[in-house]
C-alpha cells in the first residue's frame, strides 16, 4: 500500500496534480525497471494521466458549478461517486490504454472469457463480450471513486471555509472536520 500527502497553500489541488497522483497509484514505476519496459511504463503512466486529467477537471468544474448553482446548500447534499463522471467509463478507458503494453494481461481478462454472442442468419458470430479481471476492475473502481470523491469533497471544504459564518458552513465543519459549534 502506498500513502501520499497532497499539500496546497491557499486553495484546492489542481486537476493536473490529482491526475498525476491517481495515475501514479495505477501505474507505479519501480526504480529497478529499466530499458524498454521502463519507457513503456512511463508512456502508460502518461496515457493514464491524460485520461485522468480530463476526468479530474470535469469533477472540479462540475462541483464548482453545483456550488455556484446551490450556494451553501450544496454543503449538505449527498456525495456519490458518479456525481460528475461515470466511474465504469473511466475504468474502461484506463484498461483500453493498456492494450499493447507489457501489462495488458494484468489489466485485461481472467480465465475463460464470458461470451455472449449473437448470430446473423448464416450463423456467423457477430459479438463477444468479455469481463475484466475482477480484482483489477475492483481496485480501479475503488481508487477512482476515492480520488474523485476526495477531489469534489475538497471543493466543498473550501466553500465551507469561505462560508464558515453560515449554518451550513458550520454544520459541514462539525460533521467533517470534527469542530464543535
N, C-alpha and C. Protein backbone atom coordinates (compact mmCIF):
# COMPACT_ATOMS: atom_id res chain seq x y z
N UNK A 1 0.85 -1.17 0.00
CA UNK A 1 0.00 0.00 0.00
C UNK A 1 0.89 1.23 0.00
N UNK A 2 0.47 2.21 -0.73
CA UNK A 2 1.22 3.45 -0.84
C UNK A 2 0.41 4.57 -0.20
N UNK A 3 1.08 5.38 0.59
CA UNK A 3 0.42 6.51 1.24
C UNK A 3 1.10 7.78 0.75
N UNK A 4 0.31 8.75 0.38
CA UNK A 4 0.85 10.02 -0.07
C UNK A 4 0.06 11.17 0.51
N UNK A 5 0.67 12.31 0.54
CA UNK A 5 0.02 13.51 1.05
C UNK A 5 0.10 14.58 -0.02
N UNK A 6 -1.03 15.17 -0.32
CA UNK A 6 -1.07 16.29 -1.26
C UNK A 6 -1.25 17.56 -0.44
N UNK A 7 -0.42 18.55 -0.70
CA UNK A 7 -0.47 19.79 0.06
C UNK A 7 -0.61 20.96 -0.90
N UNK A 8 -1.49 21.87 -0.55
CA UNK A 8 -1.57 23.15 -1.27
C UNK A 8 -1.63 24.25 -0.23
N UNK A 9 -1.31 25.40 -0.65
CA UNK A 9 -1.39 26.55 0.24
C UNK A 9 -2.35 27.56 -0.38
N UNK A 10 -3.54 27.62 0.17
CA UNK A 10 -4.48 28.64 -0.28
C UNK A 10 -5.49 28.21 -1.33
N UNK A 11 -5.71 26.93 -1.50
CA UNK A 11 -6.73 26.52 -2.46
C UNK A 11 -6.75 25.02 -2.65
N UNK A 12 -7.71 24.54 -3.43
CA UNK A 12 -7.79 23.10 -3.68
C UNK A 12 -6.65 22.64 -4.59
N UNK A 13 -6.44 21.34 -4.63
CA UNK A 13 -5.42 20.78 -5.50
C UNK A 13 -5.86 20.95 -6.96
N UNK A 14 -4.96 21.36 -7.84
CA UNK A 14 -5.34 21.49 -9.25
C UNK A 14 -5.57 20.10 -9.88
N UNK A 15 -6.38 20.07 -10.93
CA UNK A 15 -6.73 18.81 -11.59
C UNK A 15 -5.50 18.06 -12.09
N UNK A 16 -4.47 18.79 -12.55
CA UNK A 16 -3.28 18.10 -13.05
C UNK A 16 -2.54 17.37 -11.93
N UNK A 17 -2.56 17.91 -10.71
CA UNK A 17 -1.94 17.22 -9.58
C UNK A 17 -2.74 15.98 -9.21
N UNK A 18 -4.07 16.10 -9.20
CA UNK A 18 -4.91 14.94 -8.95
C UNK A 18 -4.63 13.84 -9.98
N UNK A 19 -4.55 14.22 -11.25
CA UNK A 19 -4.30 13.24 -12.31
C UNK A 19 -2.95 12.56 -12.10
N UNK A 20 -1.95 13.34 -11.74
CA UNK A 20 -0.61 12.79 -11.50
C UNK A 20 -0.61 11.78 -10.36
N UNK A 21 -1.23 12.14 -9.26
CA UNK A 21 -1.26 11.26 -8.10
C UNK A 21 -2.08 10.00 -8.40
N UNK A 22 -3.24 10.16 -9.00
CA UNK A 22 -4.07 8.99 -9.31
C UNK A 22 -3.36 8.07 -10.29
N UNK A 23 -2.75 8.63 -11.32
CA UNK A 23 -2.02 7.82 -12.31
C UNK A 23 -0.88 7.06 -11.65
N UNK A 24 -0.22 7.68 -10.68
CA UNK A 24 0.91 7.00 -10.01
C UNK A 24 0.44 5.84 -9.15
N UNK A 25 -0.83 5.85 -8.73
CA UNK A 25 -1.39 4.72 -7.98
C UNK A 25 -1.78 3.58 -8.92
N UNK A 26 -2.01 3.89 -10.16
CA UNK A 26 -2.42 2.88 -11.14
C UNK A 26 -1.21 2.27 -11.83
N UNK A 27 -0.26 3.11 -12.20
CA UNK A 27 0.98 2.65 -12.86
C UNK A 27 2.14 3.12 -11.99
N UNK A 28 2.66 2.21 -11.20
CA UNK A 28 3.79 2.52 -10.35
C UNK A 28 5.06 2.08 -11.07
N UNK A 29 6.00 2.99 -11.21
CA UNK A 29 7.23 2.68 -11.93
C UNK A 29 8.34 2.44 -10.92
N UNK A 30 8.76 1.18 -10.83
CA UNK A 30 9.80 0.80 -9.88
C UNK A 30 11.14 1.39 -10.29
N UNK A 31 11.93 1.78 -9.32
CA UNK A 31 13.27 2.30 -9.60
C UNK A 31 14.12 1.29 -10.36
N UNK A 32 13.86 0.01 -10.13
CA UNK A 32 14.66 -1.04 -10.76
C UNK A 32 14.26 -1.32 -12.22
N UNK A 33 13.14 -0.78 -12.65
CA UNK A 33 12.68 -1.01 -14.03
C UNK A 33 13.56 -0.20 -14.98
N UNK A 34 14.05 -0.85 -16.03
CA UNK A 34 14.94 -0.14 -16.94
C UNK A 34 14.66 -0.52 -18.39
N UNK A 35 15.32 0.18 -19.29
CA UNK A 35 15.24 -0.12 -20.71
C UNK A 35 13.87 0.11 -21.32
N UNK A 36 13.51 -0.77 -22.25
CA UNK A 36 12.26 -0.62 -22.97
C UNK A 36 11.04 -0.72 -22.06
N UNK A 37 11.12 -1.59 -21.06
CA UNK A 37 9.98 -1.72 -20.14
C UNK A 37 9.78 -0.44 -19.34
N UNK A 38 10.87 0.22 -18.94
CA UNK A 38 10.74 1.49 -18.23
C UNK A 38 10.10 2.53 -19.14
N UNK A 39 10.55 2.59 -20.39
CA UNK A 39 9.95 3.52 -21.35
C UNK A 39 8.48 3.24 -21.56
N UNK A 40 8.12 1.96 -21.64
CA UNK A 40 6.72 1.58 -21.82
C UNK A 40 5.89 1.96 -20.60
N UNK A 41 6.47 1.80 -19.41
CA UNK A 41 5.75 2.16 -18.18
C UNK A 41 5.53 3.67 -18.11
N UNK A 42 6.54 4.43 -18.50
CA UNK A 42 6.40 5.89 -18.49
C UNK A 42 5.32 6.32 -19.48
N UNK A 43 5.29 5.70 -20.65
CA UNK A 43 4.27 6.02 -21.66
C UNK A 43 2.87 5.65 -21.16
N UNK A 44 2.76 4.48 -20.51
CA UNK A 44 1.45 4.07 -19.99
C UNK A 44 1.00 5.01 -18.89
N UNK A 45 1.89 5.36 -17.97
CA UNK A 45 1.52 6.28 -16.90
C UNK A 45 1.09 7.63 -17.49
N UNK A 46 1.78 8.07 -18.52
CA UNK A 46 1.42 9.32 -19.18
C UNK A 46 0.04 9.23 -19.84
N UNK A 47 -0.24 8.09 -20.48
CA UNK A 47 -1.56 7.90 -21.11
C UNK A 47 -2.67 7.90 -20.06
N UNK A 48 -2.41 7.25 -18.93
CA UNK A 48 -3.40 7.22 -17.85
C UNK A 48 -3.56 8.63 -17.27
N UNK A 49 -2.47 9.34 -17.11
CA UNK A 49 -2.53 10.74 -16.66
C UNK A 49 -3.42 11.57 -17.59
N UNK A 50 -3.22 11.44 -18.90
CA UNK A 50 -4.03 12.20 -19.86
C UNK A 50 -5.51 11.88 -19.72
N UNK A 51 -5.83 10.61 -19.52
CA UNK A 51 -7.23 10.21 -19.32
C UNK A 51 -7.77 10.87 -18.05
N UNK A 52 -7.02 10.77 -16.98
CA UNK A 52 -7.49 11.26 -15.69
C UNK A 52 -7.55 12.77 -15.60
N UNK A 53 -6.68 13.46 -16.32
CA UNK A 53 -6.70 14.93 -16.28
C UNK A 53 -8.07 15.45 -16.70
N UNK A 54 -8.60 14.92 -17.78
CA UNK A 54 -9.92 15.34 -18.23
C UNK A 54 -11.01 15.05 -17.21
N UNK A 55 -10.94 13.88 -16.58
CA UNK A 55 -11.98 13.50 -15.62
C UNK A 55 -11.86 14.27 -14.31
N UNK A 56 -10.64 14.49 -13.84
CA UNK A 56 -10.49 15.29 -12.61
C UNK A 56 -10.93 16.74 -12.87
N UNK A 57 -10.65 17.24 -14.05
CA UNK A 57 -11.11 18.59 -14.41
C UNK A 57 -12.64 18.63 -14.42
N UNK A 58 -13.25 17.58 -14.98
CA UNK A 58 -14.72 17.50 -15.01
C UNK A 58 -15.30 17.48 -13.60
N UNK A 59 -14.67 16.72 -12.70
CA UNK A 59 -15.13 16.66 -11.31
C UNK A 59 -15.04 18.04 -10.67
N UNK A 60 -13.89 18.70 -10.80
CA UNK A 60 -13.73 20.02 -10.18
C UNK A 60 -14.70 21.04 -10.77
N UNK A 61 -14.76 21.11 -12.09
CA UNK A 61 -15.67 22.07 -12.73
C UNK A 61 -17.12 21.76 -12.41
N UNK A 62 -17.45 20.48 -12.36
CA UNK A 62 -18.82 20.08 -12.03
C UNK A 62 -19.20 20.46 -10.62
N UNK A 63 -18.29 20.21 -9.68
CA UNK A 63 -18.59 20.56 -8.28
C UNK A 63 -18.65 22.07 -8.10
N UNK A 64 -17.76 22.78 -8.76
CA UNK A 64 -17.80 24.25 -8.68
C UNK A 64 -19.10 24.80 -9.26
N UNK A 65 -19.57 24.19 -10.34
CA UNK A 65 -20.85 24.62 -10.94
C UNK A 65 -22.01 24.35 -10.00
N UNK A 66 -21.97 23.19 -9.32
CA UNK A 66 -23.04 22.87 -8.36
C UNK A 66 -22.99 23.81 -7.16
N UNK A 67 -21.80 24.17 -6.73
CA UNK A 67 -21.67 25.13 -5.62
C UNK A 67 -22.23 26.48 -6.05
N UNK A 68 -21.92 26.87 -7.26
CA UNK A 68 -22.43 28.15 -7.77
C UNK A 68 -23.96 28.11 -7.89
N UNK A 69 -24.48 26.98 -8.35
CA UNK A 69 -25.94 26.83 -8.53
C UNK A 69 -26.68 26.80 -7.20
N UNK A 70 -26.16 26.05 -6.22
CA UNK A 70 -26.88 25.82 -4.97
C UNK A 70 -26.35 26.63 -3.79
N UNK A 71 -25.20 27.26 -3.94
CA UNK A 71 -24.63 28.03 -2.84
C UNK A 71 -24.28 27.15 -1.66
N UNK A 72 -24.46 27.69 -0.46
CA UNK A 72 -24.08 26.94 0.74
C UNK A 72 -24.93 25.69 0.95
N UNK A 73 -26.09 25.61 0.32
CA UNK A 73 -26.93 24.40 0.43
C UNK A 73 -26.20 23.17 -0.12
N UNK A 74 -25.27 23.40 -1.06
CA UNK A 74 -24.53 22.28 -1.65
C UNK A 74 -23.72 21.53 -0.59
N UNK A 75 -23.37 22.20 0.48
CA UNK A 75 -22.57 21.57 1.53
C UNK A 75 -23.31 20.42 2.20
N UNK A 76 -24.63 20.42 2.15
CA UNK A 76 -25.41 19.37 2.78
C UNK A 76 -25.92 18.32 1.77
N UNK A 77 -25.62 18.47 0.51
CA UNK A 77 -26.05 17.48 -0.48
C UNK A 77 -25.22 16.21 -0.34
N UNK A 78 -25.86 15.06 -0.60
CA UNK A 78 -25.14 13.79 -0.59
C UNK A 78 -24.10 13.79 -1.69
N UNK A 79 -23.02 13.06 -1.45
CA UNK A 79 -21.99 12.88 -2.48
C UNK A 79 -22.09 11.45 -2.98
N UNK A 80 -22.02 11.30 -4.28
CA UNK A 80 -21.97 9.97 -4.88
C UNK A 80 -20.80 9.92 -5.85
N UNK A 81 -20.25 8.73 -6.07
CA UNK A 81 -19.09 8.63 -6.96
C UNK A 81 -19.37 9.12 -8.38
N UNK A 82 -20.59 8.96 -8.83
CA UNK A 82 -20.92 9.33 -10.20
C UNK A 82 -21.56 10.71 -10.31
N UNK A 83 -21.33 11.58 -9.33
CA UNK A 83 -21.88 12.93 -9.39
C UNK A 83 -21.48 13.65 -10.68
N UNK A 84 -20.24 13.45 -11.10
CA UNK A 84 -19.72 14.23 -12.23
C UNK A 84 -19.13 13.37 -13.35
N UNK A 85 -18.73 12.16 -13.05
CA UNK A 85 -18.16 11.26 -14.06
C UNK A 85 -18.71 9.85 -13.83
N UNK A 86 -18.72 9.05 -14.88
CA UNK A 86 -19.14 7.66 -14.77
C UNK A 86 -17.89 6.81 -14.52
N UNK A 87 -17.78 6.27 -13.32
CA UNK A 87 -16.58 5.53 -12.92
C UNK A 87 -16.32 4.35 -13.86
N UNK A 88 -17.35 3.61 -14.23
CA UNK A 88 -17.16 2.46 -15.11
C UNK A 88 -16.57 2.88 -16.46
N UNK A 89 -16.97 4.02 -16.96
CA UNK A 89 -16.42 4.51 -18.23
C UNK A 89 -14.94 4.85 -18.08
N UNK A 90 -14.57 5.45 -16.95
CA UNK A 90 -13.16 5.80 -16.73
C UNK A 90 -12.33 4.53 -16.60
N UNK A 91 -12.84 3.53 -15.88
CA UNK A 91 -12.15 2.25 -15.76
C UNK A 91 -11.92 1.65 -17.15
N UNK A 92 -12.94 1.67 -17.98
CA UNK A 92 -12.82 1.11 -19.34
C UNK A 92 -11.77 1.87 -20.16
N UNK A 93 -11.72 3.19 -20.01
CA UNK A 93 -10.71 3.98 -20.73
C UNK A 93 -9.30 3.60 -20.30
N UNK A 94 -9.12 3.42 -19.01
CA UNK A 94 -7.79 3.07 -18.49
C UNK A 94 -7.38 1.68 -18.97
N UNK A 95 -8.30 0.74 -18.89
CA UNK A 95 -7.99 -0.62 -19.35
C UNK A 95 -7.68 -0.61 -20.85
N UNK A 96 -8.41 0.18 -21.62
CA UNK A 96 -8.14 0.28 -23.06
C UNK A 96 -6.75 0.85 -23.32
N UNK A 97 -6.28 1.74 -22.46
CA UNK A 97 -4.94 2.34 -22.63
C UNK A 97 -3.82 1.32 -22.43
N UNK A 98 -4.12 0.22 -21.77
CA UNK A 98 -3.09 -0.79 -21.52
C UNK A 98 -2.89 -1.74 -22.69
N UNK A 99 -3.79 -1.71 -23.66
CA UNK A 99 -3.69 -2.62 -24.81
C UNK A 99 -2.38 -2.36 -25.55
N UNK A 100 -1.66 -3.44 -25.80
CA UNK A 100 -0.39 -3.33 -26.50
C UNK A 100 0.80 -3.05 -25.60
N UNK A 101 0.56 -2.96 -24.29
CA UNK A 101 1.66 -2.73 -23.35
C UNK A 101 2.05 -4.06 -22.70
N UNK A 102 3.20 -4.11 -22.06
CA UNK A 102 3.59 -5.34 -21.36
C UNK A 102 2.66 -5.71 -20.20
N UNK A 103 1.81 -4.78 -19.79
CA UNK A 103 0.93 -5.01 -18.65
C UNK A 103 -0.53 -5.24 -19.05
N UNK A 104 -0.77 -5.39 -20.33
CA UNK A 104 -2.14 -5.57 -20.83
C UNK A 104 -2.86 -6.72 -20.12
N UNK A 105 -2.19 -7.85 -19.96
CA UNK A 105 -2.84 -9.02 -19.35
C UNK A 105 -3.17 -8.78 -17.89
N UNK A 106 -2.37 -7.98 -17.20
CA UNK A 106 -2.67 -7.69 -15.80
C UNK A 106 -3.96 -6.89 -15.66
N UNK A 107 -4.27 -6.09 -16.65
CA UNK A 107 -5.47 -5.26 -16.61
C UNK A 107 -6.66 -5.91 -17.31
N UNK A 108 -6.39 -6.94 -18.10
CA UNK A 108 -7.39 -7.43 -19.04
C UNK A 108 -8.31 -8.50 -18.46
N UNK A 109 -8.18 -9.68 -18.92
CA UNK A 109 -9.15 -10.73 -18.64
C UNK A 109 -8.56 -11.82 -17.76
N UNK A 110 -9.46 -12.54 -17.10
CA UNK A 110 -9.04 -13.62 -16.21
C UNK A 110 -9.75 -14.89 -16.63
N UNK A 111 -9.00 -15.97 -16.79
CA UNK A 111 -9.61 -17.25 -17.11
C UNK A 111 -10.31 -17.24 -18.45
N UNK A 112 -11.32 -18.05 -18.54
CA UNK A 112 -12.10 -18.13 -19.77
C UNK A 112 -13.05 -16.93 -19.84
N UNK A 113 -13.04 -16.22 -20.95
CA UNK A 113 -13.96 -15.08 -21.06
C UNK A 113 -15.41 -15.53 -21.12
N UNK A 114 -16.26 -14.71 -20.59
CA UNK A 114 -17.70 -14.92 -20.71
C UNK A 114 -18.07 -14.42 -22.09
N UNK A 115 -18.72 -15.26 -22.85
CA UNK A 115 -19.07 -14.87 -24.22
C UNK A 115 -20.57 -14.80 -24.37
N UNK A 116 -21.03 -13.68 -24.84
CA UNK A 116 -22.43 -13.51 -25.22
C UNK A 116 -22.40 -13.21 -26.71
N UNK A 117 -22.88 -14.13 -27.50
CA UNK A 117 -22.79 -13.95 -28.94
C UNK A 117 -24.16 -13.86 -29.57
N UNK A 118 -24.24 -13.04 -30.59
CA UNK A 118 -25.42 -13.02 -31.44
C UNK A 118 -24.96 -13.51 -32.81
N UNK A 119 -25.87 -14.03 -33.56
CA UNK A 119 -25.51 -14.60 -34.86
C UNK A 119 -26.40 -14.01 -35.94
N UNK A 120 -25.84 -13.90 -37.14
CA UNK A 120 -26.66 -13.47 -38.27
C UNK A 120 -27.39 -14.69 -38.83
N UNK A 121 -28.17 -14.49 -39.90
CA UNK A 121 -28.97 -15.58 -40.46
C UNK A 121 -28.12 -16.75 -40.94
N UNK A 122 -26.89 -16.49 -41.33
CA UNK A 122 -26.00 -17.55 -41.81
C UNK A 122 -25.29 -18.26 -40.66
N UNK A 123 -25.54 -17.81 -39.43
CA UNK A 123 -24.92 -18.44 -38.27
C UNK A 123 -23.58 -17.86 -37.89
N UNK A 124 -23.17 -16.76 -38.53
CA UNK A 124 -21.91 -16.13 -38.20
C UNK A 124 -22.02 -15.36 -36.89
N UNK A 125 -21.00 -15.54 -36.05
CA UNK A 125 -20.98 -14.84 -34.77
C UNK A 125 -20.72 -13.36 -34.98
N UNK A 126 -21.49 -12.52 -34.30
CA UNK A 126 -21.37 -11.08 -34.50
C UNK A 126 -20.70 -10.35 -33.35
N UNK A 127 -20.92 -10.76 -32.11
CA UNK A 127 -20.33 -10.02 -30.98
C UNK A 127 -19.84 -10.97 -29.89
N UNK A 128 -18.87 -10.51 -29.14
CA UNK A 128 -18.39 -11.21 -27.94
C UNK A 128 -18.22 -10.17 -26.85
N UNK A 129 -18.56 -10.54 -25.65
CA UNK A 129 -18.36 -9.65 -24.51
C UNK A 129 -17.49 -10.40 -23.51
N UNK A 130 -16.39 -9.77 -23.09
CA UNK A 130 -15.51 -10.38 -22.11
C UNK A 130 -15.49 -9.50 -20.87
N UNK A 131 -15.43 -10.11 -19.71
CA UNK A 131 -15.40 -9.35 -18.46
C UNK A 131 -13.96 -9.03 -18.07
N UNK A 132 -13.78 -7.90 -17.40
CA UNK A 132 -12.48 -7.52 -16.89
C UNK A 132 -12.08 -8.44 -15.74
N UNK A 133 -10.80 -8.50 -15.51
CA UNK A 133 -10.28 -9.22 -14.36
C UNK A 133 -10.91 -8.60 -13.11
N UNK A 134 -11.67 -9.34 -12.34
CA UNK A 134 -12.39 -8.74 -11.22
C UNK A 134 -11.51 -7.95 -10.26
N UNK A 135 -10.35 -8.46 -9.92
CA UNK A 135 -9.53 -7.76 -8.94
C UNK A 135 -9.05 -6.41 -9.46
N UNK A 136 -8.65 -6.32 -10.72
CA UNK A 136 -8.18 -5.05 -11.27
C UNK A 136 -9.33 -4.06 -11.41
N UNK A 137 -10.46 -4.53 -11.91
CA UNK A 137 -11.61 -3.63 -12.04
C UNK A 137 -12.03 -3.11 -10.66
N UNK A 138 -12.03 -4.00 -9.68
CA UNK A 138 -12.41 -3.59 -8.32
C UNK A 138 -11.42 -2.55 -7.78
N UNK A 139 -10.13 -2.81 -7.96
CA UNK A 139 -9.11 -1.87 -7.49
C UNK A 139 -9.28 -0.51 -8.16
N UNK A 140 -9.42 -0.50 -9.48
CA UNK A 140 -9.56 0.77 -10.20
C UNK A 140 -10.83 1.50 -9.78
N UNK A 141 -11.93 0.77 -9.64
CA UNK A 141 -13.20 1.39 -9.24
C UNK A 141 -13.07 2.03 -7.86
N UNK A 142 -12.48 1.30 -6.92
CA UNK A 142 -12.33 1.84 -5.56
C UNK A 142 -11.39 3.04 -5.54
N UNK A 143 -10.28 2.94 -6.25
CA UNK A 143 -9.31 4.05 -6.28
C UNK A 143 -9.93 5.29 -6.91
N UNK A 144 -10.55 5.13 -8.07
CA UNK A 144 -11.14 6.27 -8.77
C UNK A 144 -12.28 6.88 -7.96
N UNK A 145 -13.10 6.04 -7.36
CA UNK A 145 -14.18 6.54 -6.51
C UNK A 145 -13.61 7.39 -5.38
N UNK A 146 -12.59 6.88 -4.72
CA UNK A 146 -11.97 7.60 -3.61
C UNK A 146 -11.39 8.93 -4.09
N UNK A 147 -10.60 8.91 -5.16
CA UNK A 147 -9.93 10.14 -5.60
C UNK A 147 -10.92 11.17 -6.16
N UNK A 148 -11.90 10.73 -6.93
CA UNK A 148 -12.87 11.69 -7.47
C UNK A 148 -13.73 12.29 -6.35
N UNK A 149 -14.11 11.45 -5.38
CA UNK A 149 -14.92 11.98 -4.28
C UNK A 149 -14.10 12.91 -3.39
N UNK A 150 -12.83 12.59 -3.17
CA UNK A 150 -11.98 13.48 -2.39
C UNK A 150 -11.79 14.82 -3.12
N UNK A 151 -11.64 14.75 -4.42
CA UNK A 151 -11.50 15.95 -5.23
C UNK A 151 -12.72 16.85 -5.04
N UNK A 152 -13.92 16.28 -5.18
CA UNK A 152 -15.15 17.05 -5.00
C UNK A 152 -15.30 17.51 -3.55
N UNK A 153 -14.95 16.65 -2.60
CA UNK A 153 -15.07 17.00 -1.19
C UNK A 153 -14.20 18.21 -0.86
N UNK A 154 -13.00 18.25 -1.40
CA UNK A 154 -12.10 19.38 -1.12
C UNK A 154 -12.69 20.68 -1.67
N UNK A 155 -13.35 20.61 -2.84
CA UNK A 155 -14.03 21.80 -3.36
C UNK A 155 -15.09 22.27 -2.37
N UNK A 156 -15.85 21.34 -1.82
CA UNK A 156 -16.87 21.71 -0.83
C UNK A 156 -16.23 22.24 0.44
N UNK A 157 -15.13 21.63 0.83
CA UNK A 157 -14.46 22.06 2.05
C UNK A 157 -13.99 23.50 1.94
N UNK A 158 -13.43 23.86 0.79
CA UNK A 158 -13.00 25.25 0.60
C UNK A 158 -14.21 26.19 0.60
N UNK A 159 -15.31 25.73 0.04
CA UNK A 159 -16.53 26.54 0.04
C UNK A 159 -17.01 26.73 1.49
N UNK A 160 -16.96 25.66 2.27
CA UNK A 160 -17.36 25.76 3.68
C UNK A 160 -16.44 26.73 4.44
N UNK A 161 -15.14 26.66 4.16
CA UNK A 161 -14.19 27.57 4.82
C UNK A 161 -14.50 29.03 4.51
N UNK A 162 -14.90 29.30 3.27
CA UNK A 162 -15.22 30.68 2.87
C UNK A 162 -16.58 31.13 3.39
N UNK A 163 -17.37 30.17 3.89
CA UNK A 163 -18.72 30.49 4.38
C UNK A 163 -18.92 29.95 5.80
N UNK A 164 -17.91 30.06 6.62
CA UNK A 164 -17.93 29.49 7.95
C UNK A 164 -18.98 30.14 8.86
N UNK A 165 -19.40 31.34 8.54
CA UNK A 165 -20.39 32.03 9.39
C UNK A 165 -21.82 31.66 9.05
N UNK A 166 -22.02 30.73 8.12
CA UNK A 166 -23.37 30.28 7.78
C UNK A 166 -23.67 29.00 8.55
N UNK A 167 -24.94 28.71 8.79
CA UNK A 167 -25.28 27.44 9.46
C UNK A 167 -24.77 26.23 8.67
N UNK A 168 -24.84 26.30 7.34
CA UNK A 168 -24.38 25.18 6.52
C UNK A 168 -22.86 24.99 6.62
N UNK A 169 -22.11 26.08 6.61
CA UNK A 169 -20.66 26.00 6.75
C UNK A 169 -20.27 25.44 8.10
N UNK A 170 -20.97 25.88 9.15
CA UNK A 170 -20.68 25.37 10.48
C UNK A 170 -21.04 23.90 10.60
N UNK A 171 -22.18 23.51 10.02
CA UNK A 171 -22.59 22.10 10.06
C UNK A 171 -21.58 21.22 9.31
N UNK A 172 -21.09 21.70 8.17
CA UNK A 172 -20.08 20.97 7.41
C UNK A 172 -18.82 20.77 8.24
N UNK A 173 -18.35 21.84 8.86
CA UNK A 173 -17.16 21.74 9.69
C UNK A 173 -17.37 20.79 10.87
N UNK A 174 -18.52 20.84 11.47
CA UNK A 174 -18.81 19.96 12.60
C UNK A 174 -18.83 18.51 12.14
N UNK A 175 -19.48 18.26 11.01
CA UNK A 175 -19.62 16.88 10.53
C UNK A 175 -18.30 16.30 10.02
N UNK A 176 -17.55 17.08 9.25
CA UNK A 176 -16.40 16.52 8.57
C UNK A 176 -15.04 16.92 9.14
N UNK A 177 -15.01 17.98 9.89
CA UNK A 177 -13.72 18.41 10.43
C UNK A 177 -13.66 18.27 11.95
N UNK A 178 -14.73 17.73 12.52
CA UNK A 178 -14.74 17.44 13.95
C UNK A 178 -14.77 18.66 14.83
N UNK A 179 -15.16 19.81 14.27
CA UNK A 179 -15.19 21.03 15.06
C UNK A 179 -16.50 21.13 15.83
N UNK A 180 -16.41 21.65 17.02
CA UNK A 180 -17.60 21.83 17.86
C UNK A 180 -18.21 23.18 17.59
N UNK A 181 -19.54 23.21 17.65
CA UNK A 181 -20.20 24.52 17.44
C UNK A 181 -20.29 25.30 18.70
